Each structure stands twice: as structure tokens, then as C-alpha cells.
Amino acid sequence: TGDILRSGGWTLLTAVNVMLFSLLHNPCS
């Protein structure tokens, strides 16, 4: 899974901000 994400340009910054955005984003429907 990590290999696929890194192939998509993911870095440590990407992971940290996805974790933050997972917390701070709109509620599910």
C-alpha cells in the first residue's frame, strides 16, 4: 500500500495532512 501511495507522489507531508484532513473535513452523508 505504501509503495502505491509513494508512486502517486506521497511524502511525509502528504500523509500528515491527509491525517489532519481526515479529522477536519465534512461529515459523511
mmCIF file of all heavy atoms, coordinates in Angstrom:
data_MODEL
# 
_entry.id   MODEL 
# 
loop_
_atom_site.group_PDB 
_atom_site.id 
_atom_site.type_symbol 
_atom_site.label_atom_id 
_atom_site.label_alt_id 
_atom_site.label_comp_id 
_atom_site.label_asym_id 
_atom_site.label_entity_id 
_atom_site.label_seq_id 
_atom_site.pdbx_PDB_ins_code 
_atom_site.Cartn_x 
_atom_site.Cartn_y 
_atom_site.Cartn_z 
_atom_site.occupancy 
_atom_site.B_iso_or_equiv 
_atom_site.pdbx_formal_charge 
_atom_site.auth_seq_id 
_atom_site.auth_comp_id 
_atom_site.auth_asym_id 
_atom_site.auth_atom_id 
_atom_site.pdbx_PDB_model_num 
ATOM 1   N N   . THR A 1 1  ? 0.833   -1.200 0.000  1.00 0.00 ? 1  THR A N   1 
ATOM 2   C CA  . THR A 1 1  ? 0.000   0.000  0.000  1.00 0.00 ? 1  THR A CA  1 
ATOM 3   C C   . THR A 1 1  ? 0.866   1.248  0.000  1.00 0.00 ? 1  THR A C   1 
ATOM 4   O O   . THR A 1 1  ? 0.608   2.207  -0.740 1.00 0.00 ? 1  THR A O   1 
ATOM 5   C CB  . THR A 1 1  ? -0.924  0.015  1.242  1.00 0.00 ? 1  THR A CB  1 
ATOM 6   O OG1 . THR A 1 1  ? -1.746  -1.156 1.236  1.00 0.00 ? 1  THR A OG1 1 
ATOM 7   C CG2 . THR A 1 1  ? -1.804  1.249  1.244  1.00 0.00 ? 1  THR A CG2 1 
ATOM 8   N N   . GLY A 1 2  ? 1.915   1.248  0.824  1.00 0.00 ? 2  GLY A N   1 
ATOM 9   C CA  . GLY A 1 2  ? 2.838   2.374  0.866  1.00 0.00 ? 2  GLY A CA  1 
ATOM 10  C C   . GLY A 1 2  ? 3.539   2.594  -0.464 1.00 0.00 ? 2  GLY A C   1 
ATOM 11  O O   . GLY A 1 2  ? 3.739   3.749  -0.884 1.00 0.00 ? 2  GLY A O   1 
ATOM 12  N N   . ASP A 1 3  ? 3.879   1.509  -1.158 1.00 0.00 ? 3  ASP A N   1 
ATOM 13  C CA  . ASP A 1 3  ? 4.543   1.627  -2.468 1.00 0.00 ? 3  ASP A CA  1 
ATOM 14  C C   . ASP A 1 3  ? 3.637   2.314  -3.485 1.00 0.00 ? 3  ASP A C   1 
ATOM 15  O O   . ASP A 1 3  ? 4.086   3.167  -4.267 1.00 0.00 ? 3  ASP A O   1 
ATOM 16  C CB  . ASP A 1 3  ? 4.951   0.242  -2.981 1.00 0.00 ? 3  ASP A CB  1 
ATOM 17  C CG  . ASP A 1 3  ? 6.086   -0.364 -2.162 1.00 0.00 ? 3  ASP A CG  1 
ATOM 18  O OD1 . ASP A 1 3  ? 6.787   0.401  -1.472 1.00 0.00 ? 3  ASP A OD1 1 
ATOM 19  O OD2 . ASP A 1 3  ? 6.248   -1.601 -2.207 1.00 0.00 ? 3  ASP A OD2 1 
ATOM 20  N N   . ILE A 1 4  ? 2.335   1.951  -3.487 1.00 0.00 ? 4  ILE A N   1 
ATOM 21  C CA  . ILE A 1 4  ? 1.396   2.574  -4.422 1.00 0.00 ? 4  ILE A CA  1 
ATOM 22  C C   . ILE A 1 4  ? 1.227   4.056  -4.099 1.00 0.00 ? 4  ILE A C   1 
ATOM 23  O O   . ILE A 1 4  ? 1.229   4.910  -4.999 1.00 0.00 ? 4  ILE A O   1 
ATOM 24  C CB  . ILE A 1 4  ? 0.035   1.848  -4.395 1.00 0.00 ? 4  ILE A CB  1 
ATOM 25  C CG1 . ILE A 1 4  ? 0.162   0.466  -5.036 1.00 0.00 ? 4  ILE A CG1 1 
ATOM 26  C CG2 . ILE A 1 4  ? -1.037  2.676  -5.105 1.00 0.00 ? 4  ILE A CG2 1 
ATOM 27  C CD1 . ILE A 1 4  ? -1.124  -0.326 -5.038 1.00 0.00 ? 4  ILE A CD1 1 
ATOM 28  N N   . LEU A 1 5  ? 1.094   4.377  -2.807 1.00 0.00 ? 5  LEU A N   1 
ATOM 29  C CA  . LEU A 1 5  ? 0.914   5.773  -2.421 1.00 0.00 ? 5  LEU A CA  1 
ATOM 30  C C   . LEU A 1 5  ? 2.155   6.601  -2.783 1.00 0.00 ? 5  LEU A C   1 
ATOM 31  O O   . LEU A 1 5  ? 2.027   7.727  -3.287 1.00 0.00 ? 5  LEU A O   1 
ATOM 32  C CB  . LEU A 1 5  ? 0.625   5.881  -0.921 1.00 0.00 ? 5  LEU A CB  1 
ATOM 33  C CG  . LEU A 1 5  ? -0.709  5.258  -0.455 1.00 0.00 ? 5  LEU A CG  1 
ATOM 34  C CD1 . LEU A 1 5  ? -0.839  5.374  1.059  1.00 0.00 ? 5  LEU A CD1 1 
ATOM 35  C CD2 . LEU A 1 5  ? -1.906  5.911  -1.141 1.00 0.00 ? 5  LEU A CD2 1 
ATOM 36  N N   . ARG A 1 6  ? 3.332   6.065  -2.546 1.00 0.00 ? 6  ARG A N   1 
ATOM 37  C CA  . ARG A 1 6  ? 4.557   6.802  -2.886 1.00 0.00 ? 6  ARG A CA  1 
ATOM 38  C C   . ARG A 1 6  ? 4.691   6.978  -4.393 1.00 0.00 ? 6  ARG A C   1 
ATOM 39  O O   . ARG A 1 6  ? 5.216   7.997  -4.859 1.00 0.00 ? 6  ARG A O   1 
ATOM 40  C CB  . ARG A 1 6  ? 5.775   6.082  -2.317 1.00 0.00 ? 6  ARG A CB  1 
ATOM 41  C CG  . ARG A 1 6  ? 5.860   6.170  -0.788 1.00 0.00 ? 6  ARG A CG  1 
ATOM 42  C CD  . ARG A 1 6  ? 7.171   5.604  -0.259 1.00 0.00 ? 6  ARG A CD  1 
ATOM 43  N NE  . ARG A 1 6  ? 7.211   5.643  1.195  1.00 0.00 ? 6  ARG A NE  1 
ATOM 44  C CZ  . ARG A 1 6  ? 6.855   4.627  2.004  1.00 0.00 ? 6  ARG A CZ  1 
ATOM 45  N NH1 . ARG A 1 6  ? 6.441   3.482  1.449  1.00 0.00 ? 6  ARG A NH1 1 
ATOM 46  N NH2 . ARG A 1 6  ? 6.916   4.753  3.305  1.00 0.00 ? 6  ARG A NH2 1 
ATOM 47  N N   . SER A 1 7  ? 4.205   5.995  -5.151 1.00 0.00 ? 7  SER A N   1 
ATOM 48  C CA  . SER A 1 7  ? 4.247   6.139  -6.617 1.00 0.00 ? 7  SER A CA  1 
ATOM 49  C C   . SER A 1 7  ? 3.331   7.268  -7.081 1.00 0.00 ? 7  SER A C   1 
ATOM 50  O O   . SER A 1 7  ? 3.517   7.831  -8.164 1.00 0.00 ? 7  SER A O   1 
ATOM 51  C CB  . SER A 1 7  ? 3.828   4.830  -7.289 1.00 0.00 ? 7  SER A CB  1 
ATOM 52  O OG  . SER A 1 7  ? 2.431   4.594  -7.123 1.00 0.00 ? 7  SER A OG  1 
ATOM 53  N N   . GLY A 1 8  ? 2.346   7.604  -6.247 1.00 0.00 ? 8  GLY A N   1 
ATOM 54  C CA  . GLY A 1 8  ? 1.453   8.716  -6.540 1.00 0.00 ? 8  GLY A CA  1 
ATOM 55  C C   . GLY A 1 8  ? 1.977   10.044 -6.027 1.00 0.00 ? 8  GLY A C   1 
ATOM 56  O O   . GLY A 1 8  ? 1.234   11.034 -6.040 1.00 0.00 ? 8  GLY A O   1 
ATOM 57  N N   . GLY A 1 9  ? 3.225   10.071 -5.564 1.00 0.00 ? 9  GLY A N   1 
ATOM 58  C CA  . GLY A 1 9  ? 3.850   11.315 -5.127 1.00 0.00 ? 9  GLY A CA  1 
ATOM 59  C C   . GLY A 1 9  ? 3.686   11.627 -3.650 1.00 0.00 ? 9  GLY A C   1 
ATOM 60  O O   . GLY A 1 9  ? 3.989   12.741 -3.209 1.00 0.00 ? 9  GLY A O   1 
ATOM 61  N N   . TRP A 1 10 ? 3.226   10.646 -2.860 1.00 0.00 ? 10 TRP A N   1 
ATOM 62  C CA  . TRP A 1 10 ? 3.033   10.893 -1.431 1.00 0.00 ? 10 TRP A CA  1 
ATOM 63  C C   . TRP A 1 10 ? 4.362   11.061 -0.709 1.00 0.00 ? 10 TRP A C   1 
ATOM 64  O O   . TRP A 1 10 ? 5.336   10.351 -0.983 1.00 0.00 ? 10 TRP A O   1 
ATOM 65  C CB  . TRP A 1 10 ? 2.269   9.735  -0.795 1.00 0.00 ? 10 TRP A CB  1 
ATOM 66  C CG  . TRP A 1 10 ? 0.789   9.768  -1.047 1.00 0.00 ? 10 TRP A CG  1 
ATOM 67  C CD1 . TRP A 1 10 ? 0.174   9.863  -2.257 1.00 0.00 ? 10 TRP A CD1 1 
ATOM 68  C CD2 . TRP A 1 10 ? -0.246  9.673  -0.072 1.00 0.00 ? 10 TRP A CD2 1 
ATOM 69  N NE1 . TRP A 1 10 ? -1.187  9.835  -2.107 1.00 0.00 ? 10 TRP A NE1 1 
ATOM 70  C CE2 . TRP A 1 10 ? -1.476  9.715  -0.778 1.00 0.00 ? 10 TRP A CE2 1 
ATOM 71  C CE3 . TRP A 1 10 ? -0.265  9.543  1.300  1.00 0.00 ? 10 TRP A CE3 1 
ATOM 72  C CZ2 . TRP A 1 10 ? -2.713  9.641  -0.125 1.00 0.00 ? 10 TRP A CZ2 1 
ATOM 73  C CZ3 . TRP A 1 10 ? -1.489  9.466  1.960  1.00 0.00 ? 10 TRP A CZ3 1 
ATOM 74  C CH2 . TRP A 1 10 ? -2.695  9.521  1.249  1.00 0.00 ? 10 TRP A CH2 1 
ATOM 75  N N   . THR A 1 11 ? 4.386   12.018 0.214  1.00 0.00 ? 11 THR A N   1 
ATOM 76  C CA  . THR A 1 11 ? 5.525   12.227 1.104  1.00 0.00 ? 11 THR A CA  1 
ATOM 77  C C   . THR A 1 11 ? 5.018   12.218 2.547  1.00 0.00 ? 11 THR A C   1 
ATOM 78  O O   . THR A 1 11 ? 3.826   12.031 2.781  1.00 0.00 ? 11 THR A O   1 
ATOM 79  C CB  . THR A 1 11 ? 6.210   13.576 0.817  1.00 0.00 ? 11 THR A CB  1 
ATOM 80  O OG1 . THR A 1 11 ? 5.268   14.636 1.091  1.00 0.00 ? 11 THR A OG1 1 
ATOM 81  C CG2 . THR A 1 11 ? 6.665   13.662 -0.641 1.00 0.00 ? 11 THR A CG2 1 
ATOM 82  N N   . LEU A 1 12 ? 5.936   12.451 3.482  1.00 0.00 ? 12 LEU A N   1 
ATOM 83  C CA  . LEU A 1 12 ? 5.520   12.538 4.880  1.00 0.00 ? 12 LEU A CA  1 
ATOM 84  C C   . LEU A 1 12 ? 4.535   13.685 5.083  1.00 0.00 ? 12 LEU A C   1 
ATOM 85  O O   . LEU A 1 12 ? 3.560   13.555 5.834  1.00 0.00 ? 12 LEU A O   1 
ATOM 86  C CB  . LEU A 1 12 ? 6.752   12.735 5.772  1.00 0.00 ? 12 LEU A CB  1 
ATOM 87  C CG  . LEU A 1 12 ? 6.493   12.842 7.282  1.00 0.00 ? 12 LEU A CG  1 
ATOM 88  C CD1 . LEU A 1 12 ? 5.786   11.604 7.811  1.00 0.00 ? 12 LEU A CD1 1 
ATOM 89  C CD2 . LEU A 1 12 ? 7.799   13.081 8.035  1.00 0.00 ? 12 LEU A CD2 1 
ATOM 90  N N   . LEU A 1 13 ? 4.754   14.805 4.388  1.00 0.00 ? 13 LEU A N   1 
ATOM 91  C CA  . LEU A 1 13 ? 3.822   15.935 4.469  1.00 0.00 ? 13 LEU A CA  1 
ATOM 92  C C   . LEU A 1 13 ? 2.437   15.522 3.987  1.00 0.00 ? 13 LEU A C   1 
ATOM 93  O O   . LEU A 1 13 ? 1.423   15.869 4.615  1.00 0.00 ? 13 LEU A O   1 
ATOM 94  C CB  . LEU A 1 13 ? 4.337   17.110 3.633  1.00 0.00 ? 13 LEU A CB  1 
ATOM 95  C CG  . LEU A 1 13 ? 3.347   18.271 3.420  1.00 0.00 ? 13 LEU A CG  1 
ATOM 96  C CD1 . LEU A 1 13 ? 2.973   18.905 4.750  1.00 0.00 ? 13 LEU A CD1 1 
ATOM 97  C CD2 . LEU A 1 13 ? 3.928   19.307 2.463  1.00 0.00 ? 13 LEU A CD2 1 
ATOM 98  N N   . THR A 1 14 ? 2.376   14.784 2.892  1.00 0.00 ? 14 THR A N   1 
ATOM 99  C CA  . THR A 1 14 ? 1.081   14.330 2.368  1.00 0.00 ? 14 THR A CA  1 
ATOM 100 C C   . THR A 1 14 ? 0.347   13.493 3.400  1.00 0.00 ? 14 THR A C   1 
ATOM 101 O O   . THR A 1 14 ? -0.853  13.697 3.651  1.00 0.00 ? 14 THR A O   1 
ATOM 102 C CB  . THR A 1 14 ? 1.275   13.501 1.082  1.00 0.00 ? 14 THR A CB  1 
ATOM 103 O OG1 . THR A 1 14 ? 2.180   14.152 0.208  1.00 0.00 ? 14 THR A OG1 1 
ATOM 104 C CG2 . THR A 1 14 ? -0.048  13.283 0.373  1.00 0.00 ? 14 THR A CG2 1 
ATOM 105 N N   . ALA A 1 15 ? 1.075   12.558 4.014  1.00 0.00 ? 15 ALA A N   1 
ATOM 106 C CA  . ALA A 1 15 ? 0.447   11.668 4.995  1.00 0.00 ? 15 ALA A CA  1 
ATOM 107 C C   . ALA A 1 15 ? -0.066  12.452 6.199  1.00 0.00 ? 15 ALA A C   1 
ATOM 108 O O   . ALA A 1 15 ? -1.194  12.229 6.669  1.00 0.00 ? 15 ALA A O   1 
ATOM 109 C CB  . ALA A 1 15 ? 1.444   10.599 5.434  1.00 0.00 ? 15 ALA A CB  1 
ATOM 110 N N   . VAL A 1 16 ? 0.770   13.379 6.707  1.00 0.00 ? 16 VAL A N   1 
ATOM 111 C CA  . VAL A 1 16 ? 0.361   14.179 7.864  1.00 0.00 ? 16 VAL A CA  1 
ATOM 112 C C   . VAL A 1 16 ? -0.890  14.993 7.542  1.00 0.00 ? 16 VAL A C   1 
ATOM 113 O O   . VAL A 1 16 ? -1.840  15.043 8.335  1.00 0.00 ? 16 VAL A O   1 
ATOM 114 C CB  . VAL A 1 16 ? 1.513   15.105 8.316  1.00 0.00 ? 16 VAL A CB  1 
ATOM 115 C CG1 . VAL A 1 16 ? 1.016   16.130 9.337  1.00 0.00 ? 16 VAL A CG1 1 
ATOM 116 C CG2 . VAL A 1 16 ? 2.652   14.291 8.902  1.00 0.00 ? 16 VAL A CG2 1 
ATOM 117 N N   . ASN A 1 17 ? -0.912  15.611 6.362  1.00 0.00 ? 17 ASN A N   1 
ATOM 118 C CA  . ASN A 1 17 ? -2.060  16.458 6.023  1.00 0.00 ? 17 ASN A CA  1 
ATOM 119 C C   . ASN A 1 17 ? -3.310  15.644 5.690  1.00 0.00 ? 17 ASN A C   1 
ATOM 120 O O   . ASN A 1 17 ? -4.424  16.117 5.895  1.00 0.00 ? 17 ASN A O   1 
ATOM 121 C CB  . ASN A 1 17 ? -1.699  17.407 4.883  1.00 0.00 ? 17 ASN A CB  1 
ATOM 122 C CG  . ASN A 1 17 ? -1.078  18.690 5.405  1.00 0.00 ? 17 ASN A CG  1 
ATOM 123 O OD1 . ASN A 1 17 ? -0.735  18.787 6.580  1.00 0.00 ? 17 ASN A OD1 1 
ATOM 124 N ND2 . ASN A 1 17 ? -0.921  19.683 4.550  1.00 0.00 ? 17 ASN A ND2 1 
ATOM 125 N N   . VAL A 1 18 ? -3.141  14.427 5.166  1.00 0.00 ? 18 VAL A N   1 
ATOM 126 C CA  . VAL A 1 18 ? -4.312  13.572 4.969  1.00 0.00 ? 18 VAL A CA  1 
ATOM 127 C C   . VAL A 1 18 ? -4.883  13.161 6.332  1.00 0.00 ? 18 VAL A C   1 
ATOM 128 O O   . VAL A 1 18 ? -6.110  13.115 6.512  1.00 0.00 ? 18 VAL A O   1 
ATOM 129 C CB  . VAL A 1 18 ? -3.967  12.328 4.129  1.00 0.00 ? 18 VAL A CB  1 
ATOM 130 C CG1 . VAL A 1 18 ? -5.137  11.337 4.129  1.00 0.00 ? 18 VAL A CG1 1 
ATOM 131 C CG2 . VAL A 1 18 ? -3.659  12.729 2.693  1.00 0.00 ? 18 VAL A CG2 1 
ATOM 132 N N   . MET A 1 19 ? -4.025  12.885 7.297  1.00 0.00 ? 19 MET A N   1 
ATOM 133 C CA  . MET A 1 19 ? -4.497  12.563 8.641  1.00 0.00 ? 19 MET A CA  1 
ATOM 134 C C   . MET A 1 19 ? -5.257  13.751 9.245  1.00 0.00 ? 19 MET A C   1 
ATOM 135 O O   . MET A 1 19 ? -6.311  13.583 9.859  1.00 0.00 ? 19 MET A O   1 
ATOM 136 C CB  . MET A 1 19 ? -3.321  12.168 9.536  1.00 0.00 ? 19 MET A CB  1 
ATOM 137 C CG  . MET A 1 19 ? -2.680  10.834 9.157  1.00 0.00 ? 19 MET A CG  1 
ATOM 138 S SD  . MET A 1 19 ? -1.226  10.423 10.150 1.00 0.00 ? 19 MET A SD  1 
ATOM 139 C CE  . MET A 1 19 ? -1.994  10.059 11.735 1.00 0.00 ? 19 MET A CE  1 
ATOM 140 N N   . LEU A 1 20 ? -4.716  14.950 9.041  1.00 0.00 ? 20 LEU A N   1 
ATOM 141 C CA  . LEU A 1 20 ? -5.403  16.152 9.534  1.00 0.00 ? 20 LEU A CA  1 
ATOM 142 C C   . LEU A 1 20 ? -6.713  16.381 8.784  1.00 0.00 ? 20 LEU A C   1 
ATOM 143 O O   . LEU A 1 20 ? -7.737  16.718 9.389  1.00 0.00 ? 20 LEU A O   1 
ATOM 144 C CB  . LEU A 1 20 ? -4.494  17.375 9.377  1.00 0.00 ? 20 LEU A CB  1 
ATOM 145 C CG  . LEU A 1 20 ? -3.288  17.447 10.311 1.00 0.00 ? 20 LEU A CG  1 
ATOM 146 C CD1 . LEU A 1 20 ? -2.342  18.566 9.893  1.00 0.00 ? 20 LEU A CD1 1 
ATOM 147 C CD2 . LEU A 1 20 ? -3.747  17.649 11.758 1.00 0.00 ? 20 LEU A CD2 1 
ATOM 148 N N   . PHE A 1 21 ? -6.695  16.187 7.460  1.00 0.00 ? 21 PHE A N   1 
ATOM 149 C CA  . PHE A 1 21 ? -7.908  16.421 6.668  1.00 0.00 ? 21 PHE A CA  1 
ATOM 150 C C   . PHE A 1 21 ? -8.950  15.340 6.948  1.00 0.00 ? 21 PHE A C   1 
ATOM 151 O O   . PHE A 1 21 ? -10.154 15.594 6.850  1.00 0.00 ? 21 PHE A O   1 
ATOM 152 C CB  . PHE A 1 21 ? -7.570  16.457 5.179  1.00 0.00 ? 21 PHE A CB  1 
ATOM 153 C CG  . PHE A 1 21 ? -8.670  17.039 4.341  1.00 0.00 ? 21 PHE A CG  1 
ATOM 154 C CD1 . PHE A 1 21 ? -8.998  18.377 4.431  1.00 0.00 ? 21 PHE A CD1 1 
ATOM 155 C CD2 . PHE A 1 21 ? -9.391  16.237 3.463  1.00 0.00 ? 21 PHE A CD2 1 
ATOM 156 C CE1 . PHE A 1 21 ? -10.023 18.926 3.660  1.00 0.00 ? 21 PHE A CE1 1 
ATOM 157 C CE2 . PHE A 1 21 ? -10.413 16.776 2.687  1.00 0.00 ? 21 PHE A CE2 1 
ATOM 158 C CZ  . PHE A 1 21 ? -10.730 18.119 2.789  1.00 0.00 ? 21 PHE A CZ  1 
ATOM 159 N N   . SER A 1 22 ? -8.494  14.136 7.304  1.00 0.00 ? 22 SER A N   1 
ATOM 160 C CA  . SER A 1 22 ? -9.429  13.085 7.694  1.00 0.00 ? 22 SER A CA  1 
ATOM 161 C C   . SER A 1 22 ? -10.182 13.480 8.961  1.00 0.00 ? 22 SER A C   1 
ATOM 162 O O   . SER A 1 22 ? -11.359 13.143 9.128  1.00 0.00 ? 22 SER A O   1 
ATOM 163 C CB  . SER A 1 22 ? -8.671  11.775 7.932  1.00 0.00 ? 22 SER A CB  1 
ATOM 164 O OG  . SER A 1 22 ? -9.538  10.754 8.383  1.00 0.00 ? 22 SER A OG  1 
ATOM 165 N N   . LEU A 1 23 ? -9.486  14.214 9.844  1.00 0.00 ? 23 LEU A N   1 
ATOM 166 C CA  . LEU A 1 23 ? -10.135 14.733 11.051 1.00 0.00 ? 23 LEU A CA  1 
ATOM 167 C C   . LEU A 1 23 ? -11.011 15.930 10.735 1.00 0.00 ? 23 LEU A C   1 
ATOM 168 O O   . LEU A 1 23 ? -12.144 16.038 11.215 1.00 0.00 ? 23 LEU A O   1 
ATOM 169 C CB  . LEU A 1 23 ? -9.061  15.127 12.075 1.00 0.00 ? 23 LEU A CB  1 
ATOM 170 C CG  . LEU A 1 23 ? -9.545  15.898 13.310 1.00 0.00 ? 23 LEU A CG  1 
ATOM 171 C CD1 . LEU A 1 23 ? -10.395 14.998 14.202 1.00 0.00 ? 23 LEU A CD1 1 
ATOM 172 C CD2 . LEU A 1 23 ? -8.361  16.465 14.086 1.00 0.00 ? 23 LEU A CD2 1 
ATOM 173 N N   . LEU A 1 24 ? -10.491 16.848 9.913  1.00 0.00 ? 24 LEU A N   1 
ATOM 174 C CA  . LEU A 1 24 ? -11.157 18.126 9.637  1.00 0.00 ? 24 LEU A CA  1 
ATOM 175 C C   . LEU A 1 24 ? -11.704 18.149 8.216  1.00 0.00 ? 24 LEU A C   1 
ATOM 176 O O   . LEU A 1 24 ? -11.132 18.765 7.321  1.00 0.00 ? 24 LEU A O   1 
ATOM 177 C CB  . LEU A 1 24 ? -10.162 19.280 9.840  1.00 0.00 ? 24 LEU A CB  1 
ATOM 178 C CG  . LEU A 1 24 ? -9.521  19.378 11.224 1.00 0.00 ? 24 LEU A CG  1 
ATOM 179 C CD1 . LEU A 1 24 ? -8.404  20.408 11.219 1.00 0.00 ? 24 LEU A CD1 1 
ATOM 180 C CD2 . LEU A 1 24 ? -10.566 19.723 12.276 1.00 0.00 ? 24 LEU A CD2 1 
ATOM 181 N N   . HIS A 1 25 ? -12.781 17.467 7.992  1.00 0.00 ? 25 HIS A N   1 
ATOM 182 C CA  . HIS A 1 25 ? -13.472 17.567 6.702  1.00 0.00 ? 25 HIS A CA  1 
ATOM 183 C C   . HIS A 1 25 ? -14.957 17.363 6.941  1.00 0.00 ? 25 HIS A C   1 
ATOM 184 O O   . HIS A 1 25 ? -15.385 17.100 8.068  1.00 0.00 ? 25 HIS A O   1 
ATOM 185 C CB  . HIS A 1 25 ? -12.927 16.562 5.676  1.00 0.00 ? 25 HIS A CB  1 
ATOM 186 C CG  . HIS A 1 25 ? -13.391 15.152 5.883  1.00 0.00 ? 25 HIS A CG  1 
ATOM 187 N ND1 . HIS A 1 25 ? -12.895 14.360 6.874  1.00 0.00 ? 25 HIS A ND1 1 
ATOM 188 C CD2 . HIS A 1 25 ? -14.315 14.401 5.221  1.00 0.00 ? 25 HIS A CD2 1 
ATOM 189 C CE1 . HIS A 1 25 ? -13.474 13.170 6.823  1.00 0.00 ? 25 HIS A CE1 1 
ATOM 190 N NE2 . HIS A 1 25 ? -14.344 13.170 5.842  1.00 0.00 ? 25 HIS A NE2 1 
ATOM 191 N N   . ASN A 1 26 ? -15.749 17.517 5.907  1.00 0.00 ? 26 ASN A N   1 
ATOM 192 C CA  . ASN A 1 26 ? -17.201 17.465 6.055  1.00 0.00 ? 26 ASN A CA  1 
ATOM 193 C C   . ASN A 1 26 ? -17.671 16.119 6.605  1.00 0.00 ? 26 ASN A C   1 
ATOM 194 O O   . ASN A 1 26 ? -17.025 15.090 6.389  1.00 0.00 ? 26 ASN A O   1 
ATOM 195 C CB  . ASN A 1 26 ? -17.870 17.713 4.698  1.00 0.00 ? 26 ASN A CB  1 
ATOM 196 C CG  . ASN A 1 26 ? -17.297 16.804 3.630  1.00 0.00 ? 26 ASN A CG  1 
ATOM 197 O OD1 . ASN A 1 26 ? -16.260 17.126 3.052  1.00 0.00 ? 26 ASN A OD1 1 
ATOM 198 N ND2 . ASN A 1 26 ? -17.935 15.674 3.373  1.00 0.00 ? 26 ASN A ND2 1 
ATOM 199 N N   . PRO A 1 27 ? -18.779 16.101 7.323  1.00 0.00 ? 27 PRO A N   1 
ATOM 200 C CA  . PRO A 1 27 ? -19.337 14.827 7.799  1.00 0.00 ? 27 PRO A CA  1 
ATOM 201 C C   . PRO A 1 27 ? -19.747 13.947 6.623  1.00 0.00 ? 27 PRO A C   1 
ATOM 202 O O   . PRO A 1 27 ? -19.969 14.434 5.505  1.00 0.00 ? 27 PRO A O   1 
ATOM 203 C CB  . PRO A 1 27 ? -20.564 15.251 8.609  1.00 0.00 ? 27 PRO A CB  1 
ATOM 204 C CG  . PRO A 1 27 ? -20.408 16.715 8.862  1.00 0.00 ? 27 PRO A CG  1 
ATOM 205 C CD  . PRO A 1 27 ? -19.596 17.259 7.733  1.00 0.00 ? 27 PRO A CD  1 
ATOM 206 N N   . CYS A 1 28 ? -19.860 12.644 6.871  1.00 0.00 ? 28 CYS A N   1 
ATOM 207 C CA  . CYS A 1 28 ? -20.374 11.749 5.839  1.00 0.00 ? 28 CYS A CA  1 
ATOM 208 C C   . CYS A 1 28 ? -21.854 12.043 5.607  1.00 0.00 ? 28 CYS A C   1 
ATOM 209 O O   . CYS A 1 28 ? -22.507 12.704 6.419  1.00 0.00 ? 28 CYS A O   1 
ATOM 210 C CB  . CYS A 1 28 ? -20.167 10.292 6.241  1.00 0.00 ? 28 CYS A CB  1 
ATOM 211 S SG  . CYS A 1 28 ? -21.202 9.770  7.637  1.00 0.00 ? 28 CYS A SG  1 
ATOM 212 N N   . SER A 1 29 ? -22.374 11.559 4.509  1.00 0.00 ? 29 SER A N   1 
ATOM 213 C CA  . SER A 1 29 ? -23.762 11.885 4.146  1.00 0.00 ? 29 SER A CA  1 
ATOM 214 C C   . SER A 1 29 ? -24.759 11.339 5.162  1.00 0.00 ? 29 SER A C   1 
ATOM 215 O O   . SER A 1 29 ? -25.823 11.939 5.382  1.00 0.00 ? 29 SER A O   1 
ATOM 216 C CB  . SER A 1 29 ? -24.088 11.339 2.753  1.00 0.00 ? 29 SER A CB  1 
ATOM 217 O OG  . SER A 1 29 ? -23.788 9.959  2.678  1.00 0.00 ? 29 SER A OG  1 
# 
